[in-house]
């Protein structure tokens, strides 16, 4: 088997992690009209009784949030078949066949997948035995996809399923003059499949296989394939800076392929047992690279490296967060007092889905609840909370605020802001808190409906101005309406939200002489 076979295996792994392989979705369950499916073409064993598989939730409708509109959510899950648990590693939000955005789960949580539940059915499908033929089919399809995407350069595997907190370990061989490693031009490489389980790169150090002392030993990992050099002519490459621990070995050295992603292609061409005239002592140097830290994408947040002051630096599409001239929130002052058109609300009683999305508690509602103002009709998409209120009125911040996000048929956004002030218990908010998810990114759809009119104050006088989303990408041309009368929320209800988000409010932004109108 030649080097192209090794690249095909790596391309298969890359396709599995990125979704490049042709999907074969199989329906597992239908809940409230939403279809739950598993991709039979992307199920891979990664350890004893541990499989990784792609699943998806097909909503049957379009949902909108600050990240965009989507109709389905794909998830890469790790299934522990023995313990009947799973953990979500990655999510991709899709609108039809188009990916809207992608999320990596920083700290995957193990969740029970009891028999009879939807999660249990997915686990049963993910843990079914897979044949060798299936694996070959996936590898061939993925290799073909990678070659079509970039001919002559096979795709490299990503490390989405690596275990957190592990530092890559590499082994190099130093030999005396005369023993030369092979070059890519004159090296013939043989890759042999493991007799054990296939494994992803960057497994914990105690599980990493050591280099076989005998070149004929067959055990290897798919993610870090064994390479066997038949001929070698080129001079050795300079090894990276290392912290050496030297020891004599009385047999011909065998190198282990460097498993770091950036060097994998080069290592496949240059690693392997070196040709020697006769066995003699050499020095094997083991090291852990310490001059470069692994790159981690910084996600937007309200503190730390991802704080609001840094949003524009995180991604090019967040540039408006720093350069925009009509950003929200603002401190509402010196509005002109006029006879504003009343907002016409046509809110319905609706079932809902509630999710802690890592930035706030968000409530997605059913279709049919609308508001009409200035000749446009907007449909309510979702509402969410901030603490304290992002808006200020003459310098005053309120205990919390609810933002009701609407969209019209042309995609224009309008946000109604309901200020929340400590007082009596709010029955609607209590219903939401009663059904609050236990985990971040866990979606709960309770069998209870809410009257959306209970979100609105009795006095509908308001301030209005043009602004932006208060979270990245800070999109502008958003119509804002802020009710003057606050709604009550109890101290206990504020304290419950504070357990999750002590402060998730963007600082006020310059008004830049924007016109603010208010009811007189």
Protein backbone atom coordinates (compact mmCIF):
# COMPACT_ATOMS: atom_id res chain seq x y z
CA UNK A 1 0.00 0.00 0.00
CA UNK A 2 1.48 3.35 -1.06
CA UNK A 3 1.46 6.80 0.49
CA UNK A 4 -1.79 7.73 -1.30
CA UNK A 5 -3.56 5.14 0.83
CA UNK A 6 -2.35 6.83 3.98
CA UNK A 7 -3.66 10.15 2.75
CA UNK A 8 -6.99 8.51 1.85
CA UNK A 9 -7.37 7.33 5.44
CA UNK A 10 -6.59 10.79 6.75
CA UNK A 11 -8.99 12.34 4.25
CA UNK A 12 -11.71 9.98 5.47
CA UNK A 13 -11.15 11.12 9.04
CA UNK A 14 -11.20 14.78 7.94
CA UNK A 15 -14.40 14.23 6.02
CA UNK A 16 -15.99 12.58 9.03
CA UNK A 17 -15.18 15.52 11.32
CA UNK A 18 -16.11 18.23 8.81
CA UNK A 19 -19.12 16.65 7.17
CA UNK A 20 -17.54 16.32 3.70
CA UNK A 21 -18.59 12.67 3.31
CA UNK A 22 -21.87 11.94 1.52
CA UNK A 23 -24.61 11.79 4.15
CA UNK A 24 -26.99 8.86 4.61
CA UNK A 25 -29.59 10.21 7.04
CA UNK A 26 -31.90 7.72 8.73
CA UNK A 27 -34.95 8.85 10.71
CA UNK A 28 -34.89 7.70 14.35
CA UNK A 29 -37.85 9.55 15.88
CA UNK A 30 -40.32 12.38 15.34
CA UNK A 31 -41.16 14.71 18.24
CA UNK A 32 -43.73 17.51 17.90
CA UNK A 33 -43.33 17.44 14.14
CA UNK A 34 -39.51 17.70 14.38
CA UNK A 35 -37.54 14.82 12.90
CA UNK A 36 -34.50 13.33 14.66
CA UNK A 37 -32.04 11.55 12.35
CA UNK A 38 -28.63 9.87 12.38
CA UNK A 39 -26.13 9.78 9.52
CA UNK A 40 -25.30 6.11 8.97
CA UNK A 41 -22.41 7.14 6.71
CA UNK A 42 -20.63 8.96 9.55
CA UNK A 43 -20.46 6.59 12.50
CA UNK A 44 -16.94 5.78 13.67
CA UNK A 45 -15.55 3.75 16.54
CA UNK A 46 -13.02 5.72 18.61
CA UNK A 47 -12.41 3.44 21.57
CA UNK A 48 -13.69 0.36 23.40
CA UNK A 49 -17.49 0.77 23.41
CA UNK A 50 -17.14 4.40 22.27
CA UNK A 51 -18.47 5.63 18.91
CA UNK A 52 -18.74 9.09 17.39
CA UNK A 53 -21.69 9.85 15.11
CA UNK A 54 -23.44 12.77 13.40
CA UNK A 55 -27.12 13.39 14.18
CA UNK A 56 -29.49 16.16 13.23
CA UNK A 57 -32.77 17.77 14.28
CA UNK A 58 -34.94 18.77 11.31
CA UNK A 59 -37.23 21.53 12.55
CA UNK A 60 -39.69 21.65 9.66
CA UNK A 61 -39.67 25.45 9.88
CA UNK A 62 -37.23 28.35 9.93
CA UNK A 63 -35.97 29.68 13.26
CA UNK A 64 -34.12 32.96 13.66
CA UNK A 65 -31.65 34.20 16.24
CA UNK A 66 -28.76 36.63 16.35
CA UNK A 67 -26.64 34.11 14.40
CA UNK A 68 -29.07 33.87 11.47
CA UNK A 69 -32.00 31.80 10.24
CA UNK A 70 -31.78 27.98 10.27
CA UNK A 71 -34.02 24.98 9.56
CA UNK A 72 -31.99 22.13 11.08
CA UNK A 73 -29.17 21.53 13.54
CA UNK A 74 -26.48 18.89 13.03
CA UNK A 75 -24.53 17.60 16.03
CA UNK A 76 -21.40 15.46 16.32
CA UNK A 77 -21.89 13.30 19.42
CA UNK A 78 -19.60 10.90 21.28
CA UNK A 79 -21.53 7.82 22.47
CA UNK A 80 -20.39 5.64 25.39
CA UNK A 81 -22.14 2.42 24.42
CA UNK A 82 -21.30 0.66 27.68
CA UNK A 83 -22.43 3.40 30.06
CA UNK A 84 -25.38 4.54 27.89
CA UNK A 85 -24.30 8.18 27.85
CA UNK A 86 -23.37 10.71 25.17
CA UNK A 87 -21.66 14.08 24.88
CA UNK A 88 -22.07 16.69 22.12
CA UNK A 89 -18.77 17.86 20.60
CA UNK A 90 -19.87 20.16 17.78
CA UNK A 91 -23.00 21.71 16.27
CA UNK A 92 -23.66 23.06 12.77
CA UNK A 93 -26.75 25.22 12.14
CA UNK A 94 -28.09 24.68 8.62
CA UNK A 95 -30.57 26.54 6.41
CA UNK A 96 -31.44 23.91 3.85
CA UNK A 97 -28.07 22.70 2.55
CA UNK A 98 -26.27 25.92 3.54
CA UNK A 99 -24.27 26.06 6.81
CA UNK A 100 -25.23 29.19 8.76
CA UNK A 101 -22.77 28.88 11.63
CA UNK A 102 -20.76 26.30 13.56
CA UNK A 103 -20.20 25.86 17.28
CA UNK A 104 -17.61 23.75 19.09
CA UNK A 105 -18.52 22.65 22.59
CA UNK A 106 -15.64 23.68 24.82
CA UNK A 107 -16.47 21.36 27.74
CA UNK A 108 -18.59 18.41 26.53
CA UNK A 109 -20.95 17.12 29.23
CA UNK A 110 -21.93 13.46 29.55
CA UNK A 111 -25.72 13.07 29.32
CA UNK A 112 -27.74 9.94 30.02
CA UNK A 113 -29.26 8.18 26.99
CA UNK A 114 -31.80 5.90 28.64
CA UNK A 115 -33.60 3.26 26.62
CA UNK A 116 -36.91 4.36 25.11
CA UNK A 117 -35.93 8.02 24.90
CA UNK A 118 -34.93 9.77 21.68
CA UNK A 119 -31.35 9.93 22.99
CA UNK A 120 -31.49 6.20 23.75
CA UNK A 121 -32.66 5.42 20.21
CA UNK A 122 -29.81 7.48 18.76
CA UNK A 123 -27.31 5.69 20.99
CA UNK A 124 -28.67 2.29 19.88
CA UNK A 125 -28.16 3.24 16.23
CA UNK A 126 -24.71 4.78 16.84
CA UNK A 127 -23.55 1.67 18.74
CA UNK A 128 -24.60 -0.90 16.14
CA UNK A 129 -21.65 -3.03 14.89
CA UNK A 130 -20.16 -1.69 11.69
CA UNK A 131 -18.66 -3.85 8.96
CA UNK A 132 -15.27 -3.50 7.30
CA UNK A 133 -17.11 -2.85 4.05
CA UNK A 134 -18.84 0.17 5.54
CA UNK A 135 -15.52 1.61 6.70
CA UNK A 136 -13.95 1.14 3.26
CA UNK A 137 -16.96 2.80 1.62
CA UNK A 138 -16.68 5.87 3.89
CA UNK A 139 -12.93 6.13 3.33
CA UNK A 140 -13.27 5.90 -0.45
CA UNK A 141 -16.10 8.46 -0.58
CA UNK A 142 -14.23 10.88 1.69
CA UNK A 143 -10.98 10.50 -0.26
CA UNK A 144 -12.83 11.20 -3.49
CA UNK A 145 -14.50 14.28 -1.98
CA UNK A 146 -11.17 15.59 -0.71
CA UNK A 147 -9.48 15.04 -4.09
CA UNK A 148 -12.32 16.80 -5.94
CA UNK A 149 -12.15 19.74 -3.51
CA UNK A 150 -8.39 20.21 -3.94
CA UNK A 151 -6.82 17.80 -6.46
CA UNK A 152 -3.45 16.45 -5.49
CA UNK A 153 -3.67 17.59 -1.87
CA UNK A 154 -5.58 15.21 0.37
CA UNK A 155 -7.59 16.70 3.26
CA UNK A 156 -6.04 16.60 6.70
CA UNK A 157 -7.93 15.46 9.76
CA UNK A 158 -9.10 17.97 12.33
CA UNK A 159 -8.77 17.46 16.05
CA UNK A 160 -12.39 18.11 17.10
CA UNK A 161 -12.59 14.92 19.12
CA UNK A 162 -9.29 15.30 20.93
CA UNK A 163 -9.36 14.96 24.68
CA UNK A 164 -9.07 18.34 26.40
CA UNK A 165 -5.92 19.27 28.32
CA UNK A 166 -3.53 16.92 26.51
CA UNK A 167 -0.18 18.11 25.19
CA UNK A 168 1.10 16.46 22.01
CA UNK A 169 4.10 14.18 22.45
CA UNK A 170 6.55 13.48 19.63
CA UNK A 171 9.57 11.16 19.38
CA UNK A 172 12.54 11.79 17.09
CA UNK A 173 15.68 9.78 16.41
CA UNK A 174 19.24 11.12 16.31
CA UNK A 175 21.77 8.85 14.65
CA UNK A 176 25.44 9.05 13.75
CA UNK A 177 26.65 10.13 10.31
CA UNK A 178 26.00 7.58 7.61
CA UNK A 179 22.47 6.67 8.67
CA UNK A 180 20.30 8.93 6.58
CA UNK A 181 16.51 9.28 6.61
CA UNK A 182 14.69 8.99 3.33
CA UNK A 183 13.39 11.92 1.32
CA UNK A 184 9.87 12.28 -0.07
CA UNK A 185 11.21 11.71 -3.59
CA UNK A 186 12.70 8.27 -3.08
CA UNK A 187 10.68 6.87 -0.19
CA UNK A 188 8.23 4.05 -0.56
CA UNK A 189 5.81 3.99 2.39
CA UNK A 190 3.62 1.16 3.61
CA UNK A 191 0.66 1.88 5.91
CA UNK A 192 -0.83 -1.07 7.74
CA UNK A 193 -4.22 -0.93 9.58
CA UNK A 194 -4.36 -1.43 13.32
CA UNK A 195 -5.40 -4.75 14.76
CA UNK A 196 -6.93 -2.73 17.57
CA UNK A 197 -9.57 0.02 17.56
CA UNK A 198 -9.28 3.08 15.29
CA UNK A 199 -8.44 6.17 17.29
CA UNK A 200 -8.39 9.93 16.85
CA UNK A 201 -5.28 12.03 17.29
CA UNK A 202 -4.22 13.50 20.62
CA UNK A 203 -5.49 10.74 22.88
CA UNK A 204 -4.28 10.91 26.50
CA UNK A 205 -0.57 10.18 26.82
CA UNK A 206 -1.09 6.97 28.74
CA UNK A 207 -3.08 5.59 25.78
CA UNK A 208 -0.67 6.59 23.02
CA UNK A 209 1.08 3.61 21.48
CA UNK A 210 4.84 3.64 21.75
CA UNK A 211 7.02 3.00 18.71
CA UNK A 212 7.40 -0.70 17.98
CA UNK A 213 11.00 -1.83 18.49
CA UNK A 214 10.62 -4.28 15.63
CA UNK A 215 9.79 -2.84 12.21
CA UNK A 216 7.65 -5.92 11.49
CA UNK A 217 5.26 -5.20 14.39
CA UNK A 218 1.81 -4.42 12.94
CA UNK A 219 0.02 -2.38 15.60
CA UNK A 220 -0.58 1.27 14.67
CA UNK A 221 -3.19 4.02 15.00
CA UNK A 222 -5.26 5.26 12.10
CA UNK A 223 -4.69 8.86 13.16
CA UNK A 224 -0.93 8.41 13.43
CA UNK A 225 -0.13 5.64 10.90
CA UNK A 226 3.04 3.54 11.09
CA UNK A 227 5.35 4.16 8.16
CA UNK A 228 7.88 1.70 6.84
CA UNK A 229 10.80 3.09 4.81
CA UNK A 230 12.11 0.76 2.10
CA UNK A 231 14.87 3.07 0.84
CA UNK A 232 16.47 6.12 2.38
CA UNK A 233 18.92 8.58 0.83
CA UNK A 234 18.31 12.18 1.93
CA UNK A 235 20.06 13.93 4.86
CA UNK A 236 18.17 14.26 8.13
CA UNK A 237 15.94 17.27 8.80
CA UNK A 238 16.70 19.52 11.76
CA UNK A 239 14.69 18.47 14.79
CA UNK A 240 12.63 21.09 16.70
CA UNK A 241 13.94 22.45 19.98
CA UNK A 242 13.45 19.74 22.61
CA UNK A 243 13.88 18.92 26.22
CA UNK A 244 16.00 15.76 25.83
CA UNK A 245 15.97 12.64 27.96
CA UNK A 246 18.62 10.41 26.37
CA UNK A 247 19.08 6.68 26.82
CA UNK A 248 21.10 4.07 24.83
CA UNK A 249 19.26 1.52 22.72
CA UNK A 250 20.94 -1.56 21.29
CA UNK A 251 18.83 -1.99 18.17
CA UNK A 252 18.07 -0.13 14.94
CA UNK A 253 15.83 2.86 15.61
CA UNK A 254 12.24 3.15 14.45
CA UNK A 255 10.61 6.60 14.28
CA UNK A 256 7.01 7.35 15.14
CA UNK A 257 5.15 9.70 12.78
CA UNK A 258 4.73 13.20 14.19
CA UNK A 259 1.07 13.43 15.08
CA UNK A 260 0.76 17.21 15.06
CA UNK A 261 -1.61 18.29 12.32
CA UNK A 262 0.61 20.88 10.65
CA UNK A 263 3.53 18.46 10.22
CA UNK A 264 1.63 15.26 9.40
CA UNK A 265 2.18 15.35 5.64
CA UNK A 266 5.88 16.04 6.02
CA UNK A 267 6.24 13.34 8.65
CA UNK A 268 4.57 10.74 6.46
CA UNK A 269 7.27 11.41 3.90
CA UNK A 270 10.27 11.54 6.24
CA UNK A 271 9.58 9.26 9.22
CA UNK A 272 10.38 5.57 9.43
CA UNK A 273 13.14 3.14 10.34
CA UNK A 274 16.55 4.33 9.17
CA UNK A 275 18.75 2.01 7.14
CA UNK A 276 21.87 0.97 9.07
CA UNK A 277 24.76 -1.28 8.12
CA UNK A 278 24.59 -3.05 11.48
CA UNK A 279 22.77 -2.56 14.78
CA UNK A 280 24.62 -0.15 17.06
CA UNK A 281 23.76 2.15 19.95
CA UNK A 282 21.87 5.33 19.07
CA UNK A 283 20.26 8.04 21.15
CA UNK A 284 16.48 8.45 21.13
CA UNK A 285 15.35 11.90 22.23
CA UNK A 286 11.82 12.33 23.58
CA UNK A 287 10.43 15.83 23.85
CA UNK A 288 7.29 17.86 24.35
CA UNK A 289 7.24 21.04 22.23
CA UNK A 290 7.22 24.07 24.51
CA UNK A 291 7.88 27.00 22.20
CA UNK A 292 4.41 27.16 20.67
CA UNK A 293 1.02 27.03 22.32
CA UNK A 294 -1.96 25.40 20.54
CA UNK A 295 -4.25 27.95 18.90
CA UNK A 296 -7.68 28.38 20.42
CA UNK A 297 -10.34 30.54 18.80
CA UNK A 298 -11.63 33.18 21.20
CA UNK A 299 -15.41 33.26 21.31
CA UNK A 300 -17.25 36.49 22.06
CA UNK A 301 -18.27 36.97 25.68
CA UNK A 302 -18.85 39.67 28.26
CA UNK A 303 -15.49 39.41 30.02
CA UNK A 304 -11.95 38.17 29.41
CA UNK A 305 -10.38 37.99 25.95
CA UNK A 306 -13.82 37.86 24.32
CA UNK A 307 -15.16 40.95 26.13
CA UNK A 308 -17.15 43.66 24.25
CA UNK A 309 -14.07 45.86 23.79
CA UNK A 310 -12.49 43.04 21.74
CA UNK A 311 -15.49 41.90 19.69
CA UNK A 312 -14.37 43.66 16.51
CA UNK A 313 -10.96 41.94 16.71
CA UNK A 314 -12.36 38.40 16.92
CA UNK A 315 -13.73 38.08 13.38
CA UNK A 316 -13.81 40.34 10.29
CA UNK A 317 -17.61 40.14 10.22
CA UNK A 318 -17.70 41.72 13.70
CA UNK A 319 -16.07 44.94 12.47
CA UNK A 320 -19.24 47.00 12.94
CA UNK A 321 -19.00 46.43 16.69
CA UNK A 322 -16.18 49.03 16.63
CA UNK A 323 -16.78 51.07 13.48
CA UNK A 324 -20.58 51.33 13.43
CA UNK A 325 -22.14 54.74 13.96
CA UNK A 326 -25.56 53.50 15.12
CA UNK A 327 -24.71 50.91 17.75
CA UNK A 328 -26.90 49.74 20.63
CA UNK A 329 -27.52 50.05 23.51
CA UNK A 330 -27.52 53.76 24.29
CA UNK A 331 -28.27 56.00 27.24
CA UNK A 332 -31.64 57.45 26.21
CA UNK A 333 -31.55 61.21 26.81
CA UNK A 334 -32.99 64.38 25.29
CA UNK A 335 -35.57 62.65 23.11
CA UNK A 336 -38.00 64.84 21.22
CA UNK A 337 -41.55 64.50 22.61
CA UNK A 338 -44.11 63.82 19.89
CA UNK A 339 -47.34 61.88 19.32
CA UNK A 340 -45.90 58.49 18.43
CA UNK A 341 -47.98 55.94 16.55
CA UNK A 342 -49.24 53.21 18.92
CA UNK A 343 -47.66 49.80 18.40
CA UNK A 344 -50.33 47.26 17.39
CA UNK A 345 -49.58 43.92 19.05
CA UNK A 346 -51.26 40.70 17.95
CA UNK A 347 -49.57 38.25 20.29
CA UNK A 348 -50.90 34.69 20.71
CA UNK A 349 -50.70 32.04 23.36
CA UNK A 350 -47.79 29.86 22.24
CA UNK A 351 -45.74 26.83 23.11
CA UNK A 352 -42.04 27.61 23.36
CA UNK A 353 -38.53 26.23 23.40
CA UNK A 354 -36.12 27.58 26.02
CA UNK A 355 -32.33 27.35 25.76
CA UNK A 356 -29.35 28.63 27.69
CA UNK A 357 -27.17 29.49 24.68
CA UNK A 358 -24.06 30.42 26.67
CA UNK A 359 -24.78 34.16 26.48
CA UNK A 360 -28.34 34.42 27.84
CA UNK A 361 -31.56 32.51 28.41
CA UNK A 362 -33.46 32.62 25.11
CA UNK A 363 -37.10 31.67 24.44
CA UNK A 364 -38.08 30.70 20.89
CA UNK A 365 -41.82 30.98 20.19
CA UNK A 366 -44.24 29.64 17.60
CA UNK A 367 -45.34 31.51 14.51
CA UNK A 368 -48.30 33.89 14.41
CA UNK A 369 -47.46 36.56 17.02
CA UNK A 370 -46.97 39.90 15.28
CA UNK A 371 -46.68 43.64 15.85
CA UNK A 372 -47.36 46.43 13.38
CA UNK A 373 -45.79 49.89 13.46
CA UNK A 374 -44.91 52.54 10.84
CA UNK A 375 -46.64 50.56 8.11
CA UNK A 376 -44.63 47.36 8.65
CA UNK A 377 -45.70 44.09 10.24
CA UNK A 378 -43.07 42.14 12.13
CA UNK A 379 -43.28 38.58 13.46
CA UNK A 380 -41.95 37.77 16.92
CA UNK A 381 -38.99 35.34 16.60
CA UNK A 382 -37.67 35.03 20.14
CA UNK A 383 -37.03 36.94 23.32
CA UNK A 384 -34.13 36.85 25.76
CA UNK A 385 -32.81 38.55 28.88
CA UNK A 386 -29.91 40.73 30.01
CA UNK A 387 -28.75 41.68 33.48
CA UNK A 388 -28.59 44.57 34.18
CA UNK A 389 -30.63 46.31 31.50
CA UNK A 390 -28.47 47.22 28.53
CA UNK A 391 -30.46 50.40 27.89
CA UNK A 392 -30.22 53.29 30.28
CA UNK A 393 -32.78 56.05 30.63
CA UNK A 394 -31.27 59.35 31.72
CA UNK A 395 -28.35 57.40 33.17
CA UNK A 396 -30.48 54.86 35.07
CA UNK A 397 -29.97 51.12 34.56
CA UNK A 398 -32.75 48.67 35.52
CA UNK A 399 -32.35 45.26 37.21
CA UNK A 400 -32.97 43.31 34.00
CA UNK A 401 -34.42 43.74 30.52
CA UNK A 402 -36.27 41.48 28.08
CA UNK A 403 -35.54 41.98 24.36
CA UNK A 404 -38.34 40.85 22.02
CA UNK A 405 -36.79 40.29 18.58
CA UNK A 406 -39.04 40.67 15.51
CA UNK A 407 -38.44 40.29 11.77
CA UNK A 408 -40.57 41.36 8.79
CA UNK A 409 -40.94 39.70 5.38
CA UNK A 410 -38.00 41.70 3.99
CA UNK A 411 -35.69 40.63 6.81
CA UNK A 412 -35.82 43.97 8.64
CA UNK A 413 -35.38 43.68 12.41
CA UNK A 414 -37.28 45.42 15.18
CA UNK A 415 -36.60 44.93 18.89
CA UNK A 416 -39.09 45.78 21.64
CA UNK A 417 -37.37 46.35 24.98
CA UNK A 418 -39.23 45.66 28.23
CA UNK A 419 -37.38 47.02 31.26
CA UNK A 420 -37.64 44.83 34.39
CA UNK A 421 -37.60 46.31 37.88
CA UNK A 422 -37.59 44.47 41.23
CA UNK A 423 -41.06 44.15 42.71
CA UNK A 424 -43.75 41.48 42.64
CA UNK A 425 -43.12 38.02 41.18
CA UNK A 426 -43.62 37.86 37.41
CA UNK A 427 -45.81 34.79 36.61
CA UNK A 428 -44.61 34.45 33.01
CA UNK A 429 -40.94 34.66 33.97
CA UNK A 430 -41.55 32.11 36.73
CA UNK A 431 -42.96 29.70 34.15
CA UNK A 432 -39.78 30.15 32.11
CA UNK A 433 -37.50 29.67 35.12
CA UNK A 434 -39.47 26.51 36.09
CA UNK A 435 -38.47 25.03 32.72
CA UNK A 436 -34.94 26.43 32.53
CA UNK A 437 -32.42 23.96 31.01
CA UNK A 438 -29.88 22.29 33.28
CA UNK A 439 -27.03 22.56 30.77
CA UNK A 440 -25.70 25.15 28.34
CA UNK A 441 -27.04 24.59 24.81
CA UNK A 442 -29.65 22.15 26.09
CA UNK A 443 -32.99 22.82 24.37
CA UNK A 444 -36.16 22.25 26.45
CA UNK A 445 -39.66 22.18 24.90
CA UNK A 446 -42.11 21.93 27.84
CA UNK A 447 -45.74 20.88 27.42
CA UNK A 448 -46.95 24.27 28.62
CA UNK A 449 -47.98 27.38 26.71
CA UNK A 450 -47.45 31.04 27.63
CA UNK A 451 -49.56 34.13 26.88
CA UNK A 452 -47.08 36.42 25.15
CA UNK A 453 -49.22 39.48 25.95
CA UNK A 454 -48.13 39.06 29.57
CA UNK A 455 -44.70 40.32 28.46
CA UNK A 456 -46.06 43.79 27.74
CA UNK A 457 -46.73 46.64 30.20
CA UNK A 458 -50.19 48.18 30.47
CA UNK A 459 -48.90 51.61 29.46
CA UNK A 460 -47.48 51.27 25.94
CA UNK A 461 -45.72 54.66 25.74
CA UNK A 462 -42.20 54.19 24.36
CA UNK A 463 -38.90 55.64 23.18
CA UNK A 464 -37.71 54.81 19.65
CA UNK A 465 -34.45 55.15 17.75
CA UNK A 466 -32.39 53.34 15.11
CA UNK A 467 -29.63 51.10 16.40
CA UNK A 468 -28.05 47.68 16.11
CA UNK A 469 -27.99 44.21 17.57
CA UNK A 470 -26.28 44.34 20.97
CA UNK A 471 -24.33 41.14 20.27
CA UNK A 472 -21.93 40.24 17.44
CA UNK A 473 -22.07 40.83 14.51
CA UNK A 474 -23.63 44.11 15.78
CA UNK A 475 -25.79 44.45 12.65
CA UNK A 476 -27.21 47.97 12.22
CA UNK A 477 -30.49 49.28 10.75
CA UNK A 478 -32.45 47.77 13.65
CA UNK A 479 -35.57 49.61 14.83
CA UNK A 480 -35.63 49.89 18.65
CA UNK A 481 -38.70 50.60 20.80
CA UNK A 482 -38.17 50.83 24.57
CA UNK A 483 -41.25 50.90 26.79
CA UNK A 484 -41.23 53.66 29.39
CA UNK A 485 -43.13 51.63 31.99
CA UNK A 486 -41.04 48.81 33.52
CA UNK A 487 -42.51 45.39 34.33
CA UNK A 488 -42.06 43.80 37.78
CA UNK A 489 -39.70 40.90 38.52
CA UNK A 490 -39.06 39.51 41.99
CA UNK A 491 -35.69 39.63 43.74
CA UNK A 492 -35.64 35.81 43.74
CA UNK A 493 -36.21 35.71 40.00
CA UNK A 494 -33.36 38.16 39.43
CA UNK A 495 -31.15 36.08 41.73
CA UNK A 496 -31.91 32.90 39.74
CA UNK A 497 -30.83 34.56 36.49
CA UNK A 498 -27.76 35.97 38.26
CA UNK A 499 -26.65 32.42 39.07
CA UNK A 500 -26.23 31.94 35.33
CA UNK A 501 -25.28 35.45 34.16
CA UNK A 502 -23.99 37.95 36.68
CA UNK A 503 -23.49 40.53 33.94
CA UNK A 504 -24.39 39.93 30.31
CA UNK A 505 -25.01 43.52 29.23
CA UNK A 506 -23.05 45.30 26.53
CA UNK A 507 -21.85 48.75 27.69
CA UNK A 508 -23.73 51.77 26.34
CA UNK A 509 -22.52 53.03 22.97
CA UNK A 510 -22.09 56.60 21.66
CA UNK A 511 -25.37 58.08 20.43
CA UNK A 512 -23.58 60.07 17.70
CA UNK A 513 -26.38 62.66 17.71
CA UNK A 514 -29.01 60.10 16.75
CA UNK A 515 -32.62 61.23 16.82
CA UNK A 516 -34.58 59.71 19.73
CA UNK A 517 -38.35 60.17 19.83
CA UNK A 518 -40.72 59.53 22.76
CA UNK A 519 -44.41 59.78 23.53
CA UNK A 520 -45.35 63.07 25.07
